[in-house]
Amino acid sequence: MTIAKSLGISVALGAAVSLSALPASAGHCVRAGASATAITKDVATVLAKETLYQSNMMAGRSARGPASVSCQYLGVVTKCTARQVACK
């Protein structure tokens, strides 16, 4: 083999290895969030998750993994915030 041929093969192999190191879904990902307020914690949780789902669908994103929900009691009502990683 000539030096030029060897160099060409090594460059091609290097490019193939570097491309295979990229993740399968190299799309744009965000940590999406939504909140809801209701009288009970259960209702606020369901509404926050549904709002997050609708937000992701309208933005053309698909969810990755489960949504995490945190709630805070505010006297008479409960406010819940749902967060989830979503990618295009």
N, C-alpha and C. Protein backbone atom coordinates (compact mmCIF):
# COMPACT_ATOMS: atom_id res chain seq x y z
N MET A 1 0.83 -1.18 0.00
CA MET A 1 0.00 0.00 0.00
C MET A 1 0.88 1.25 0.00
N THR A 2 0.39 2.23 -0.68
CA THR A 2 1.13 3.48 -0.69
C THR A 2 0.76 4.29 0.55
N ILE A 3 1.57 5.28 0.83
CA ILE A 3 1.33 6.12 2.01
C ILE A 3 0.01 6.88 1.86
N ALA A 4 -0.29 7.36 0.67
CA ALA A 4 -1.53 8.11 0.45
C ALA A 4 -2.74 7.22 0.67
N LYS A 5 -2.67 5.97 0.24
CA LYS A 5 -3.78 5.04 0.41
C LYS A 5 -3.97 4.73 1.91
N SER A 6 -2.87 4.51 2.62
CA SER A 6 -2.93 4.23 4.05
C SER A 6 -3.50 5.41 4.81
N LEU A 7 -3.07 6.61 4.42
CA LEU A 7 -3.57 7.82 5.07
C LEU A 7 -5.07 7.98 4.82
N GLY A 8 -5.50 7.72 3.60
CA GLY A 8 -6.93 7.82 3.27
C GLY A 8 -7.77 6.83 4.07
N ILE A 9 -7.29 5.62 4.24
CA ILE A 9 -8.02 4.60 5.02
C ILE A 9 -8.09 5.00 6.48
N SER A 10 -7.00 5.51 7.03
CA SER A 10 -7.01 5.88 8.45
C SER A 10 -7.91 7.09 8.70
N VAL A 11 -7.97 8.02 7.76
CA VAL A 11 -8.87 9.17 7.91
C VAL A 11 -10.32 8.70 7.85
N ALA A 12 -10.63 7.79 6.94
CA ALA A 12 -12.00 7.27 6.82
C ALA A 12 -12.40 6.51 8.09
N LEU A 13 -11.50 5.71 8.62
CA LEU A 13 -11.81 4.99 9.86
C LEU A 13 -11.98 5.95 11.02
N GLY A 14 -11.16 6.97 11.09
CA GLY A 14 -11.28 7.96 12.16
C GLY A 14 -12.61 8.68 12.10
N ALA A 15 -13.06 9.02 10.91
CA ALA A 15 -14.36 9.69 10.75
C ALA A 15 -15.49 8.76 11.16
N ALA A 16 -15.40 7.49 10.79
CA ALA A 16 -16.46 6.53 11.15
C ALA A 16 -16.52 6.35 12.66
N VAL A 17 -15.38 6.28 13.32
CA VAL A 17 -15.37 6.12 14.77
C VAL A 17 -15.92 7.35 15.45
N SER A 18 -15.58 8.55 14.98
CA SER A 18 -16.08 9.76 15.62
C SER A 18 -17.58 9.92 15.41
N LEU A 19 -18.10 9.52 14.25
CA LEU A 19 -19.54 9.60 14.02
C LEU A 19 -20.31 8.58 14.85
N SER A 20 -19.72 7.43 15.11
CA SER A 20 -20.41 6.43 15.90
C SER A 20 -20.45 6.81 17.37
N ALA A 21 -19.65 7.78 17.80
CA ALA A 21 -19.64 8.21 19.19
C ALA A 21 -20.79 9.16 19.49
N LEU A 22 -21.44 9.70 18.46
CA LEU A 22 -22.57 10.59 18.68
C LEU A 22 -23.76 9.81 19.21
N PRO A 23 -24.57 10.40 20.08
CA PRO A 23 -25.76 9.71 20.56
C PRO A 23 -26.75 9.48 19.43
N ALA A 24 -27.58 8.47 19.59
CA ALA A 24 -28.55 8.12 18.55
C ALA A 24 -29.54 9.25 18.31
N SER A 25 -29.99 9.89 19.36
CA SER A 25 -30.93 11.00 19.22
C SER A 25 -30.19 12.28 19.58
N ALA A 26 -29.54 12.88 18.62
CA ALA A 26 -28.77 14.08 18.87
C ALA A 26 -29.63 15.32 18.69
N GLY A 27 -30.94 15.20 18.95
CA GLY A 27 -31.85 16.33 18.81
C GLY A 27 -31.72 17.30 19.96
N HIS A 28 -32.45 18.38 19.85
CA HIS A 28 -32.43 19.43 20.87
C HIS A 28 -33.31 19.01 22.05
N CYS A 29 -32.73 18.92 23.22
CA CYS A 29 -33.49 18.52 24.42
C CYS A 29 -33.60 19.68 25.40
N VAL A 30 -34.71 19.74 26.09
CA VAL A 30 -34.94 20.75 27.12
C VAL A 30 -35.53 20.09 28.35
N ARG A 31 -35.45 20.78 29.47
CA ARG A 31 -36.13 20.32 30.69
C ARG A 31 -37.40 21.16 30.78
N ALA A 32 -38.48 20.57 30.30
CA ALA A 32 -39.77 21.26 30.24
C ALA A 32 -40.45 21.23 31.61
N GLY A 33 -41.28 22.22 31.86
CA GLY A 33 -41.99 22.28 33.13
C GLY A 33 -43.36 22.91 32.97
N ALA A 34 -44.25 22.55 33.86
CA ALA A 34 -45.60 23.12 33.88
C ALA A 34 -46.12 23.07 35.30
N SER A 35 -47.00 23.99 35.64
CA SER A 35 -47.55 24.00 37.00
C SER A 35 -49.06 24.15 36.96
N ALA A 36 -49.69 23.74 38.06
CA ALA A 36 -51.14 23.84 38.18
C ALA A 36 -51.49 24.05 39.65
N THR A 37 -52.59 24.72 39.89
CA THR A 37 -53.06 24.98 41.25
C THR A 37 -54.47 24.45 41.37
N ALA A 38 -54.74 23.72 42.48
CA ALA A 38 -56.07 23.15 42.71
C ALA A 38 -56.29 23.02 44.22
N ILE A 39 -57.51 22.64 44.58
CA ILE A 39 -57.86 22.48 46.00
C ILE A 39 -57.11 21.32 46.63
N THR A 40 -57.02 20.19 45.93
CA THR A 40 -56.33 19.02 46.49
C THR A 40 -55.02 18.75 45.75
N LYS A 41 -54.13 18.04 46.43
CA LYS A 41 -52.83 17.70 45.85
C LYS A 41 -53.01 16.75 44.66
N ASP A 42 -53.92 15.80 44.76
CA ASP A 42 -54.14 14.84 43.67
C ASP A 42 -54.58 15.54 42.38
N VAL A 43 -55.52 16.46 42.50
CA VAL A 43 -56.02 17.16 41.32
C VAL A 43 -54.92 18.05 40.74
N ALA A 44 -54.18 18.74 41.59
CA ALA A 44 -53.10 19.61 41.11
C ALA A 44 -52.02 18.80 40.41
N THR A 45 -51.72 17.60 40.91
CA THR A 45 -50.71 16.73 40.28
C THR A 45 -51.16 16.30 38.90
N VAL A 46 -52.39 15.86 38.77
CA VAL A 46 -52.92 15.42 37.48
C VAL A 46 -52.94 16.58 36.49
N LEU A 47 -53.36 17.75 36.93
CA LEU A 47 -53.42 18.91 36.04
C LEU A 47 -52.02 19.36 35.60
N ALA A 48 -51.05 19.31 36.49
CA ALA A 48 -49.68 19.70 36.14
C ALA A 48 -49.10 18.73 35.11
N LYS A 49 -49.31 17.43 35.31
CA LYS A 49 -48.81 16.44 34.36
C LYS A 49 -49.48 16.59 33.00
N GLU A 50 -50.78 16.85 32.98
CA GLU A 50 -51.50 17.02 31.72
C GLU A 50 -51.04 18.29 31.01
N THR A 51 -50.82 19.36 31.75
CA THR A 51 -50.33 20.61 31.16
C THR A 51 -48.95 20.41 30.56
N LEU A 52 -48.08 19.67 31.25
CA LEU A 52 -46.75 19.36 30.73
C LEU A 52 -46.85 18.54 29.44
N TYR A 53 -47.72 17.54 29.43
CA TYR A 53 -47.93 16.72 28.25
C TYR A 53 -48.39 17.57 27.06
N GLN A 54 -49.37 18.44 27.29
CA GLN A 54 -49.89 19.30 26.23
C GLN A 54 -48.82 20.26 25.72
N SER A 55 -48.02 20.79 26.63
CA SER A 55 -46.94 21.70 26.24
C SER A 55 -45.92 21.00 25.34
N ASN A 56 -45.55 19.79 25.72
CA ASN A 56 -44.59 19.03 24.90
C ASN A 56 -45.18 18.70 23.53
N MET A 57 -46.43 18.32 23.48
CA MET A 57 -47.07 17.97 22.21
C MET A 57 -47.16 19.19 21.29
N MET A 58 -47.54 20.33 21.83
CA MET A 58 -47.67 21.55 21.02
C MET A 58 -46.31 22.03 20.51
N ALA A 59 -45.24 21.76 21.24
CA ALA A 59 -43.90 22.17 20.83
C ALA A 59 -43.24 21.13 19.94
N GLY A 60 -43.89 19.98 19.73
CA GLY A 60 -43.33 18.93 18.89
C GLY A 60 -42.22 18.15 19.55
N ARG A 61 -42.25 18.07 20.88
CA ARG A 61 -41.23 17.34 21.63
C ARG A 61 -41.80 16.01 22.11
N SER A 62 -40.90 15.04 22.31
CA SER A 62 -41.32 13.77 22.90
C SER A 62 -40.62 13.61 24.24
N ALA A 63 -41.34 13.11 25.22
CA ALA A 63 -40.84 12.99 26.58
C ALA A 63 -39.80 11.89 26.69
N ARG A 64 -38.82 12.11 27.55
CA ARG A 64 -37.78 11.13 27.85
C ARG A 64 -37.84 10.85 29.35
N GLY A 65 -38.32 9.69 29.71
CA GLY A 65 -38.38 9.31 31.12
C GLY A 65 -39.63 9.85 31.81
N PRO A 66 -39.77 9.51 33.09
CA PRO A 66 -40.97 9.93 33.83
C PRO A 66 -40.88 11.40 34.26
N ALA A 67 -42.03 11.98 34.50
CA ALA A 67 -42.09 13.36 34.99
C ALA A 67 -41.90 13.38 36.50
N SER A 68 -41.16 14.36 36.99
CA SER A 68 -41.03 14.53 38.44
C SER A 68 -41.98 15.65 38.86
N VAL A 69 -42.68 15.44 39.95
CA VAL A 69 -43.68 16.40 40.41
C VAL A 69 -43.35 16.82 41.84
N SER A 70 -43.37 18.13 42.07
CA SER A 70 -43.20 18.66 43.43
C SER A 70 -44.40 19.55 43.73
N CYS A 71 -44.91 19.43 44.94
CA CYS A 71 -46.10 20.19 45.32
C CYS A 71 -45.83 21.03 46.57
N GLN A 72 -46.56 22.14 46.65
CA GLN A 72 -46.43 23.04 47.78
C GLN A 72 -47.83 23.48 48.22
N TYR A 73 -48.10 23.31 49.51
CA TYR A 73 -49.40 23.71 50.05
C TYR A 73 -49.37 25.21 50.32
N LEU A 74 -50.34 25.95 49.76
CA LEU A 74 -50.37 27.41 49.89
C LEU A 74 -51.61 27.87 50.65
N GLY A 75 -51.82 27.36 51.82
CA GLY A 75 -52.98 27.76 52.62
C GLY A 75 -54.21 26.98 52.24
N VAL A 76 -54.99 27.49 51.30
CA VAL A 76 -56.23 26.84 50.89
C VAL A 76 -56.01 25.92 49.69
N VAL A 77 -55.06 26.24 48.84
CA VAL A 77 -54.83 25.48 47.61
C VAL A 77 -53.44 24.84 47.61
N THR A 78 -53.25 23.93 46.66
CA THR A 78 -51.95 23.28 46.47
C THR A 78 -51.46 23.58 45.07
N LYS A 79 -50.18 23.97 44.96
CA LYS A 79 -49.57 24.24 43.66
C LYS A 79 -48.55 23.14 43.39
N CYS A 80 -48.70 22.47 42.24
CA CYS A 80 -47.77 21.41 41.85
C CYS A 80 -47.06 21.81 40.56
N THR A 81 -45.77 21.43 40.49
CA THR A 81 -44.96 21.69 39.31
C THR A 81 -44.43 20.37 38.80
N ALA A 82 -44.66 20.09 37.53
CA ALA A 82 -44.16 18.87 36.88
C ALA A 82 -43.01 19.25 35.96
N ARG A 83 -41.94 18.45 36.00
CA ARG A 83 -40.78 18.69 35.15
C ARG A 83 -40.37 17.38 34.47
N GLN A 84 -39.86 17.52 33.23
CA GLN A 84 -39.51 16.34 32.46
C GLN A 84 -38.59 16.72 31.31
N VAL A 85 -37.63 15.87 30.99
CA VAL A 85 -36.76 16.10 29.84
C VAL A 85 -37.54 15.71 28.58
N ALA A 86 -37.52 16.60 27.59
CA ALA A 86 -38.22 16.34 26.33
C ALA A 86 -37.33 16.77 25.17
N CYS A 87 -37.34 15.99 24.10
CA CYS A 87 -36.46 16.24 22.95
C CYS A 87 -37.27 16.33 21.66
N LYS A 88 -36.74 17.09 20.71
CA LYS A 88 -37.35 17.19 19.38
C LYS A 88 -36.78 16.13 18.50
